[in-house]
Amino acid sequence: MSFSEWTEMPLGDLVVAKYGKSLTKSKRIPGDYNVYGSGGISGTHNSPLVKGPGIIIGRKGTVGSVYYEHDGYYPIDTTYYIEESYEYSLEFIYYLLRNARLSEMNTHSAVPGLSRDNLYARTFMIPSKDEQIEIAQILTSIDYKIEVNDQIVKNLDGIAQGIFKEWFIDFEFPNSNDKSYKSSGGEMFEKETCTIPVGWDINSLDEIAEIVGGATPSKKKDEYFTDSGIPWVTPKDLSNNKNKFIGRGNTDITELGFKNSSTKLLPKGSILFSSRAPIGYIAIAKNDLTTNQGFKSLMPKHNVSNEFLFYLLRHLTPVIESHASGSTFKEISGKGMKAIKFVCPEMAIINKFHIIVESLSKRIESCEDENIRLTALRNTLLPKLMSGEIRVNDE
């Protein structure tokens, strides 16, 4: 199949990019339809402006962001939107625009903006509609599997979160007769203004974990950083990667960078907790790694379950935030983190929780790992398919 069959044309000859419509907060009635701004979904509405499916493009603020919505939706006035047409595959156009680096087309200074004239003027090589559909099918099949895995992760994490709440917040953990403790008359007592199960205690975080900060090697030394060295994680890495498990960040550090900074090597299973900008990103280390100073990480003591610590920190995040200080941005100090109090269960109950949740967690990690591979595959295929370097009918 020859690439000469593709036609070069400006985007404006193929699609119509329409302006979204203003929707003030007072007129936003929550409902079943997603509201899209340039940064993505910003809420819901009870009535769609556009019947789906459709493509939404950020035109002000987050310039060039591209989203695909299957159902009805409401694009606000910081966006353009593109509707279905018999002249093209809408899903192909979506992937074409994702590959087009629209974010580089900012034409405004104070508030980033994307001119529709400039958008229309961009030229692309466009295959026949049949080949558009075939290309889109390859990419959508990968994205669909990623979405399925994301939903599995969400469901499994919800189950684990529910068990944590039932056992350690509501005190309905299984007693010796496998009945819910509190509702079956389990004995409670008062301690430090709390009513807790007999045998439990009020502890501080440093009694069950060593709390460790991180550091950044000097940015003036290029030899301290590398693409393949000692994993080094920043809060931005957790912002970009919402997975429960993390193995490395965007940049590694060298042995020399490690030796010339005060960052610590955290063992596999440590809990990373961002302590500033913002507070509350949480992940479990998949392997030995280091972090920058934006973390107060927890290394479990006395064989305390890292699964218990993970969900405990998620529960305690509002408390930790309330103890943070700072004028520019809030930060929790190492001393402040160590002093955070919580209701500490008996070790036998923690161990039971770990056994149950560990099996869920292994499936979560497996889905996350598969998504990392699928995302890399999609990102490799996308530019090659859109440029014709790889053809769907080539053997």
Protein backbone atom coordinates (compact mmCIF):
# COMPACT_ATOMS: atom_id res chain seq x y z
CA MET A 1 0.00 0.00 0.00
CA SER A 2 1.45 3.34 -1.04
CA PHE A 3 1.67 6.39 1.19
CA SER A 4 0.87 8.42 -1.94
CA GLU A 5 -2.77 7.48 -1.37
CA TRP A 6 -2.83 9.87 1.57
CA THR A 7 -3.91 13.46 0.92
CA GLU A 8 -2.27 16.54 2.42
CA MET A 9 -4.84 19.06 3.59
CA PRO A 10 -5.35 21.80 6.18
CA LEU A 11 -7.42 20.76 9.16
CA GLY A 12 -10.00 23.44 8.33
CA ASP A 13 -10.86 21.63 5.08
CA LEU A 14 -11.77 18.51 7.02
CA VAL A 15 -13.42 19.48 10.32
CA VAL A 16 -15.38 22.29 11.93
CA ALA A 17 -14.13 23.41 15.34
CA LYS A 18 -17.03 25.09 17.15
CA TYR A 19 -16.80 27.34 20.19
CA GLY A 20 -17.99 26.06 23.55
CA LYS A 21 -20.52 28.02 25.56
CA SER A 22 -20.20 29.88 28.84
CA LEU A 23 -21.67 28.08 31.84
CA THR A 24 -21.60 30.00 35.12
CA LYS A 25 -21.52 28.17 38.42
CA SER A 26 -25.02 29.40 39.24
CA LYS A 27 -26.33 27.67 36.13
CA ARG A 28 -24.49 24.40 36.65
CA ILE A 29 -27.13 21.90 37.70
CA PRO A 30 -25.39 18.61 38.58
CA GLY A 31 -26.42 15.77 36.35
CA ASP A 32 -25.25 12.93 34.12
CA TYR A 33 -23.32 14.94 31.51
CA ASN A 34 -19.67 15.94 31.82
CA VAL A 35 -18.74 19.61 31.63
CA TYR A 36 -15.42 20.16 29.83
CA GLY A 37 -13.02 23.05 30.24
CA SER A 38 -9.57 23.33 28.72
CA GLY A 39 -8.21 21.30 31.65
CA GLY A 40 -10.65 18.43 31.18
CA ILE A 41 -13.78 17.48 33.09
CA SER A 42 -14.71 20.28 35.49
CA GLY A 43 -18.05 18.99 36.77
CA THR A 44 -21.39 17.74 35.48
CA HIS A 45 -24.60 19.24 34.14
CA ASN A 46 -28.16 18.00 33.79
CA SER A 47 -28.34 18.86 30.11
CA PRO A 48 -25.73 18.39 27.34
CA LEU A 49 -24.83 21.22 25.01
CA VAL A 50 -23.66 18.68 22.42
CA LYS A 51 -24.83 15.18 21.63
CA GLY A 52 -21.86 12.82 21.79
CA PRO A 53 -19.52 11.54 20.70
CA GLY A 54 -17.22 14.49 20.30
CA ILE A 55 -13.72 15.91 20.62
CA ILE A 56 -12.95 18.79 22.99
CA ILE A 57 -9.88 21.00 22.47
CA GLY A 58 -8.52 23.46 25.03
CA ARG A 59 -8.32 26.93 23.45
CA LYS A 60 -7.68 29.11 26.53
CA GLY A 61 -5.61 28.28 29.58
CA THR A 62 -4.53 24.68 28.96
CA VAL A 63 -3.87 25.22 25.26
CA GLY A 64 -4.09 22.23 22.94
CA SER A 65 -5.41 19.68 25.43
CA VAL A 66 -7.53 17.09 23.61
CA TYR A 67 -10.34 14.96 25.06
CA TYR A 68 -12.77 12.42 23.62
CA GLU A 69 -16.29 12.06 25.02
CA HIS A 70 -18.55 9.17 24.01
CA ASP A 71 -21.76 10.57 25.50
CA GLY A 72 -23.47 13.96 25.54
CA TYR A 73 -21.32 16.72 27.03
CA TYR A 74 -21.11 20.45 27.74
CA PRO A 75 -17.97 22.19 26.41
CA ILE A 76 -17.54 25.61 28.02
CA ASP A 77 -16.23 28.74 26.33
CA THR A 78 -12.55 27.98 26.92
CA THR A 79 -12.80 25.11 24.43
CA TYR A 80 -13.51 24.16 20.85
CA TYR A 81 -15.44 21.03 20.04
CA ILE A 82 -15.67 18.79 16.96
CA GLU A 83 -18.67 16.60 16.18
CA GLU A 84 -19.10 13.40 14.19
CA SER A 85 -19.25 13.51 10.38
CA TYR A 86 -19.57 10.93 7.61
CA GLU A 87 -16.49 12.56 6.02
CA TYR A 88 -14.03 11.29 8.61
CA SER A 89 -13.51 8.95 11.54
CA LEU A 90 -13.94 11.06 14.67
CA GLU A 91 -11.67 8.74 16.66
CA PHE A 92 -8.95 9.11 14.01
CA ILE A 93 -9.21 12.90 14.25
CA TYR A 94 -8.89 12.60 18.03
CA TYR A 95 -5.60 10.69 17.76
CA LEU A 96 -4.41 12.97 14.96
CA LEU A 97 -4.88 15.99 17.23
CA ARG A 98 -3.28 14.25 20.20
CA ASN A 99 -0.20 13.76 18.06
CA ALA A 100 -0.21 17.32 16.70
CA ARG A 101 1.48 19.16 19.60
CA LEU A 102 -1.24 21.76 19.70
CA SER A 103 0.13 23.00 23.03
CA GLU A 104 2.98 24.60 21.07
CA MET A 105 0.52 26.82 19.15
CA ASN A 106 -0.06 29.40 21.89
CA THR A 107 -0.77 32.78 20.28
CA HIS A 108 -1.53 34.80 23.42
CA SER A 109 0.76 36.18 26.11
CA ALA A 110 -1.09 36.86 29.37
CA VAL A 111 -3.54 33.96 29.10
CA PRO A 112 -2.43 31.14 26.77
CA GLY A 113 -4.73 30.83 23.76
CA LEU A 114 -5.16 28.80 20.58
CA SER A 115 -6.38 30.67 17.50
CA ARG A 116 -8.94 28.80 15.40
CA ASP A 117 -7.40 30.25 12.23
CA ASN A 118 -4.05 28.76 13.20
CA LEU A 119 -5.70 25.48 14.11
CA TYR A 120 -7.45 25.34 10.75
CA ALA A 121 -4.21 26.18 8.91
CA ARG A 122 -2.32 23.16 10.26
CA THR A 123 -1.78 20.68 7.46
CA PHE A 124 -1.86 16.91 7.87
CA MET A 125 -1.50 13.84 5.67
CA ILE A 126 -4.93 12.19 5.75
CA PRO A 127 -5.63 8.60 4.64
CA SER A 128 -8.92 7.29 3.29
CA LYS A 129 -11.77 7.02 5.76
CA ASP A 130 -11.45 3.21 5.76
CA GLU A 131 -7.81 3.44 6.76
CA GLN A 132 -8.66 6.14 9.33
CA ILE A 133 -11.05 3.65 10.93
CA GLU A 134 -8.43 0.88 10.92
CA ILE A 135 -5.81 3.14 12.50
CA ALA A 136 -8.26 4.32 15.15
CA GLN A 137 -9.27 0.74 15.95
CA ILE A 138 -5.68 -0.19 16.80
CA LEU A 139 -5.24 2.79 19.13
CA THR A 140 -8.71 2.61 20.71
CA SER A 141 -8.22 -1.09 21.49
CA ILE A 142 -5.12 -0.18 23.51
CA ASP A 143 -6.87 2.74 25.24
CA TYR A 144 -9.89 0.54 25.98
CA LYS A 145 -7.69 -2.04 27.73
CA ILE A 146 -6.05 0.77 29.72
CA GLU A 147 -9.51 2.02 30.76
CA VAL A 148 -10.56 -1.50 31.79
CA ASN A 149 -7.45 -1.87 33.92
CA ASP A 150 -8.04 1.54 35.47
CA GLN A 151 -11.57 0.48 36.43
CA ILE A 152 -10.29 -2.79 37.92
CA VAL A 153 -7.75 -0.82 39.97
CA LYS A 154 -10.44 1.61 41.11
CA ASN A 155 -12.76 -1.23 42.17
CA LEU A 156 -10.04 -3.18 44.00
CA ASP A 157 -8.78 -0.06 45.76
CA GLY A 158 -12.37 0.74 46.76
CA ILE A 159 -12.73 -2.70 48.29
CA ALA A 160 -9.50 -2.30 50.26
CA GLN A 161 -10.50 1.21 51.35
CA GLY A 162 -13.89 -0.12 52.46
CA ILE A 163 -12.31 -2.87 54.55
CA PHE A 164 -9.97 -0.34 56.17
CA LYS A 165 -12.89 1.90 57.11
CA GLU A 166 -15.00 -0.98 58.38
CA TRP A 167 -12.23 -2.43 60.53
CA PHE A 168 -10.23 0.57 61.73
CA ILE A 169 -12.70 3.47 61.69
CA ASP A 170 -16.02 1.76 62.44
CA PHE A 171 -14.33 -0.95 64.58
CA GLU A 172 -16.27 -3.71 62.84
CA PHE A 173 -13.26 -5.99 62.38
CA PRO A 174 -13.87 -9.74 62.81
CA ASN A 175 -13.74 -10.92 66.41
CA SER A 176 -12.68 -14.41 67.55
CA ASN A 177 -16.06 -15.74 66.38
CA ASP A 178 -15.76 -14.02 62.99
CA LYS A 179 -18.49 -11.56 63.90
CA SER A 180 -18.27 -7.77 63.56
CA TYR A 181 -16.61 -6.56 66.77
CA LYS A 182 -18.48 -3.40 67.72
CA SER A 183 -21.99 -4.35 66.60
CA SER A 184 -21.72 -7.74 68.34
CA GLY A 185 -20.97 -6.10 71.68
CA GLY A 186 -17.18 -5.91 71.61
CA GLU A 187 -15.76 -4.24 74.69
CA MET A 188 -14.68 -0.60 74.26
CA PHE A 189 -12.84 1.82 76.57
CA GLU A 190 -11.95 5.51 76.74
CA LYS A 191 -8.46 6.76 76.01
CA GLU A 192 -7.41 10.33 75.21
CA THR A 193 -10.99 11.39 74.45
CA CYS A 194 -11.43 8.42 72.10
CA THR A 195 -13.57 5.32 72.53
CA ILE A 196 -11.59 2.40 71.15
CA PRO A 197 -11.63 -1.42 71.31
CA VAL A 198 -10.00 -3.09 74.28
CA GLY A 199 -6.42 -4.04 73.41
CA TRP A 200 -5.99 -1.13 71.02
CA ASP A 201 -3.99 2.04 71.75
CA ILE A 202 -3.39 5.66 70.75
CA ASN A 203 0.02 5.88 69.10
CA SER A 204 2.06 8.37 67.08
CA LEU A 205 3.28 7.58 63.58
CA ASP A 206 6.92 7.34 64.61
CA GLU A 207 6.06 4.40 66.86
CA ILE A 208 5.20 2.22 63.86
CA ALA A 209 7.40 3.70 61.14
CA GLU A 210 10.69 5.50 60.63
CA ILE A 211 9.91 8.82 58.98
CA VAL A 212 12.52 9.88 56.44
CA GLY A 213 12.91 13.03 54.35
CA GLY A 214 14.57 13.31 50.95
CA ALA A 215 16.85 15.74 49.15
CA THR A 216 17.88 17.05 45.74
CA PRO A 217 21.47 16.80 44.49
CA SER A 218 22.84 20.10 43.19
CA LYS A 219 21.14 20.98 39.90
CA LYS A 220 24.36 22.74 38.88
CA LYS A 221 26.05 19.35 38.51
CA ASP A 222 24.90 17.55 35.36
CA GLU A 223 26.86 14.51 36.43
CA TYR A 224 24.48 14.05 39.38
CA PHE A 225 21.55 13.17 37.10
CA THR A 226 20.98 10.46 34.51
CA ASP A 227 18.30 8.60 32.60
CA SER A 228 19.31 5.27 34.13
CA GLY A 229 20.69 5.25 37.65
CA ILE A 230 19.26 5.33 41.16
CA PRO A 231 15.48 5.97 41.03
CA TRP A 232 14.60 9.43 42.37
CA VAL A 233 11.01 10.55 42.85
CA THR A 234 9.49 14.03 43.20
CA PRO A 235 5.91 15.07 44.05
CA LYS A 236 5.48 16.01 40.38
CA ASP A 237 6.11 12.36 39.48
CA LEU A 238 3.23 11.32 41.74
CA SER A 239 1.11 14.09 40.26
CA ASN A 240 1.70 12.71 36.77
CA ASN A 241 1.44 9.10 37.91
CA LYS A 242 -1.56 8.39 40.14
CA ASN A 243 -0.64 4.71 40.56
CA LYS A 244 -0.57 3.03 43.95
CA PHE A 245 2.93 1.73 43.19
CA ILE A 246 5.91 3.62 41.79
CA GLY A 247 9.35 2.40 40.83
CA ARG A 248 11.05 5.55 39.58
CA GLY A 249 10.44 9.14 38.58
CA ASN A 250 11.13 11.07 35.41
CA THR A 251 14.82 11.48 36.27
CA ASP A 252 17.31 9.25 38.08
CA ILE A 253 20.34 10.31 40.06
CA THR A 254 23.85 8.94 39.76
CA GLU A 255 25.90 7.28 42.50
CA LEU A 256 27.87 10.51 42.68
CA GLY A 257 24.66 12.55 43.07
CA PHE A 258 23.47 10.20 45.78
CA LYS A 259 26.74 10.41 47.71
CA ASN A 260 26.79 14.21 47.48
CA SER A 261 23.29 14.80 48.79
CA SER A 262 21.41 13.96 51.96
CA THR A 263 18.72 11.90 50.25
CA LYS A 264 18.17 8.42 51.69
CA LEU A 265 17.73 5.09 49.93
CA LEU A 266 14.27 3.83 50.81
CA PRO A 267 13.71 0.06 50.67
CA LYS A 268 11.02 -1.59 48.60
CA GLY A 269 7.65 -1.35 50.35
CA SER A 270 8.28 2.08 51.88
CA ILE A 271 5.35 4.51 51.78
CA LEU A 272 6.03 7.78 49.95
CA PHE A 273 4.00 10.71 51.30
CA SER A 274 4.34 14.17 49.75
CA SER A 275 4.73 16.69 52.54
CA ARG A 276 4.32 19.89 50.51
CA ALA A 277 3.12 21.31 47.19
CA PRO A 278 0.78 19.54 47.72
CA ILE A 279 0.45 17.47 50.88
CA GLY A 280 -0.99 14.00 50.45
CA TYR A 281 0.30 12.23 47.34
CA ILE A 282 0.83 8.64 48.48
CA ALA A 283 2.49 5.65 46.80
CA ILE A 284 4.26 2.41 47.70
CA ALA A 285 7.85 1.93 46.50
CA LYS A 286 8.08 -0.99 44.05
CA ASN A 287 11.84 -1.15 44.57
CA ASP A 288 14.62 0.66 46.40
CA LEU A 289 14.48 4.36 45.52
CA THR A 290 15.21 7.89 46.71
CA THR A 291 13.08 11.05 46.86
CA ASN A 292 13.55 14.78 46.91
CA GLN A 293 12.80 16.98 49.92
CA GLY A 294 9.08 17.10 49.10
CA PHE A 295 8.44 13.85 50.96
CA LYS A 296 8.19 12.48 54.45
CA SER A 297 8.35 8.78 53.67
CA LEU A 298 7.51 5.98 56.07
CA MET A 299 9.59 2.83 56.50
CA PRO A 300 7.52 0.35 58.55
CA LYS A 301 8.85 -0.76 61.96
CA HIS A 302 8.13 -4.01 63.83
CA ASN A 303 6.86 -5.72 60.63
CA VAL A 304 3.88 -3.36 60.46
CA SER A 305 2.00 -3.87 57.20
CA ASN A 306 2.80 -1.33 54.52
CA GLU A 307 -0.75 -1.85 53.19
CA PHE A 308 -2.11 -0.74 56.56
CA LEU A 309 0.23 2.28 56.53
CA PHE A 310 -0.85 3.22 53.00
CA TYR A 311 -4.55 3.38 53.85
CA LEU A 312 -3.84 4.87 57.29
CA LEU A 313 -1.99 7.78 55.67
CA ARG A 314 -4.82 8.29 53.21
CA HIS A 315 -7.22 8.47 56.16
CA LEU A 316 -4.93 10.79 58.14
CA THR A 317 -4.18 13.23 55.30
CA PRO A 318 -6.71 15.88 56.49
CA VAL A 319 -5.23 15.67 60.00
CA ILE A 320 -1.70 15.99 58.63
CA GLU A 321 -2.73 19.00 56.54
CA SER A 322 -4.19 20.66 59.62
CA HIS A 323 -0.78 20.39 61.34
CA ALA A 324 1.12 21.85 58.38
CA SER A 325 2.49 25.39 58.38
CA GLY A 326 4.05 27.86 55.97
CA SER A 327 3.25 31.14 54.24
CA THR A 328 4.05 30.40 50.58
CA PHE A 329 2.79 26.82 50.72
CA LYS A 330 1.84 24.48 53.54
CA GLU A 331 4.37 21.86 54.62
CA ILE A 332 4.38 19.21 57.33
CA SER A 333 7.75 18.93 59.07
CA GLY A 334 9.40 15.68 60.04
CA LYS A 335 8.76 16.51 63.70
CA GLY A 336 5.13 17.30 62.96
CA MET A 337 4.69 14.09 60.99
CA LYS A 338 6.18 11.97 63.75
CA ALA A 339 3.78 13.44 66.30
CA ILE A 340 0.58 12.64 64.35
CA LYS A 341 -1.63 10.45 66.55
CA PHE A 342 -3.90 7.63 65.41
CA VAL A 343 -5.89 4.71 66.81
CA CYS A 344 -3.52 1.74 66.63
CA PRO A 345 -5.05 -1.75 66.34
CA GLU A 346 -3.66 -4.94 67.76
CA MET A 347 -0.98 -6.43 65.50
CA ALA A 348 -3.06 -9.55 64.87
CA ILE A 349 -5.82 -7.42 63.29
CA ILE A 350 -3.30 -5.50 61.19
CA ASN A 351 -1.86 -8.79 59.96
CA LYS A 352 -5.31 -10.10 59.01
CA PHE A 353 -5.94 -6.90 57.08
CA HIS A 354 -2.62 -7.27 55.27
CA ILE A 355 -3.36 -10.85 54.18
CA ILE A 356 -6.69 -9.83 52.66
CA VAL A 357 -5.54 -6.60 51.04
CA GLU A 358 -2.20 -7.91 49.78
CA SER A 359 -3.96 -10.17 47.27
CA LEU A 360 -5.98 -7.17 46.01
CA SER A 361 -2.83 -5.08 45.90
CA LYS A 362 -0.94 -7.61 43.77
CA ARG A 363 -3.73 -7.43 41.18
CA ILE A 364 -3.61 -3.62 41.34
CA GLU A 365 0.14 -3.63 40.75
CA SER A 366 -0.26 -6.07 37.86
CA CYS A 367 -2.86 -3.84 36.18
CA GLU A 368 -0.73 -0.75 36.72
CA ASP A 369 2.34 -2.47 35.23
CA GLU A 370 0.34 -3.59 32.21
CA ASN A 371 -0.93 -0.04 31.71
CA ILE A 372 2.63 1.29 31.77
CA ARG A 373 3.52 -1.14 28.97
CA LEU A 374 0.34 -0.41 27.01
CA THR A 375 0.84 3.36 27.32
CA ALA A 376 4.40 3.04 26.03
CA LEU A 377 3.16 0.90 23.12
CA ARG A 378 0.42 3.38 22.24
CA ASN A 379 2.79 6.33 22.47
CA THR A 380 5.22 4.54 20.15
CA LEU A 381 2.57 3.55 17.62
CA LEU A 382 0.70 6.87 17.58
CA PRO A 383 3.23 9.02 15.66
CA LYS A 384 4.18 6.13 13.38
CA LEU A 385 0.58 5.39 12.42
CA MET A 386 -0.24 9.08 11.97
CA SER A 387 2.77 9.66 9.72
CA GLY A 388 2.25 6.54 7.62
CA GLU A 389 5.57 5.07 8.79
CA ILE A 390 3.55 2.04 9.89
CA ARG A 391 0.60 1.03 7.74
CA VAL A 392 -2.22 -1.07 9.18
CA ASN A 393 -2.25 -3.41 6.18
CA ASP A 394 1.51 -3.93 6.07
CA GLU A 395 2.51 -7.44 7.09
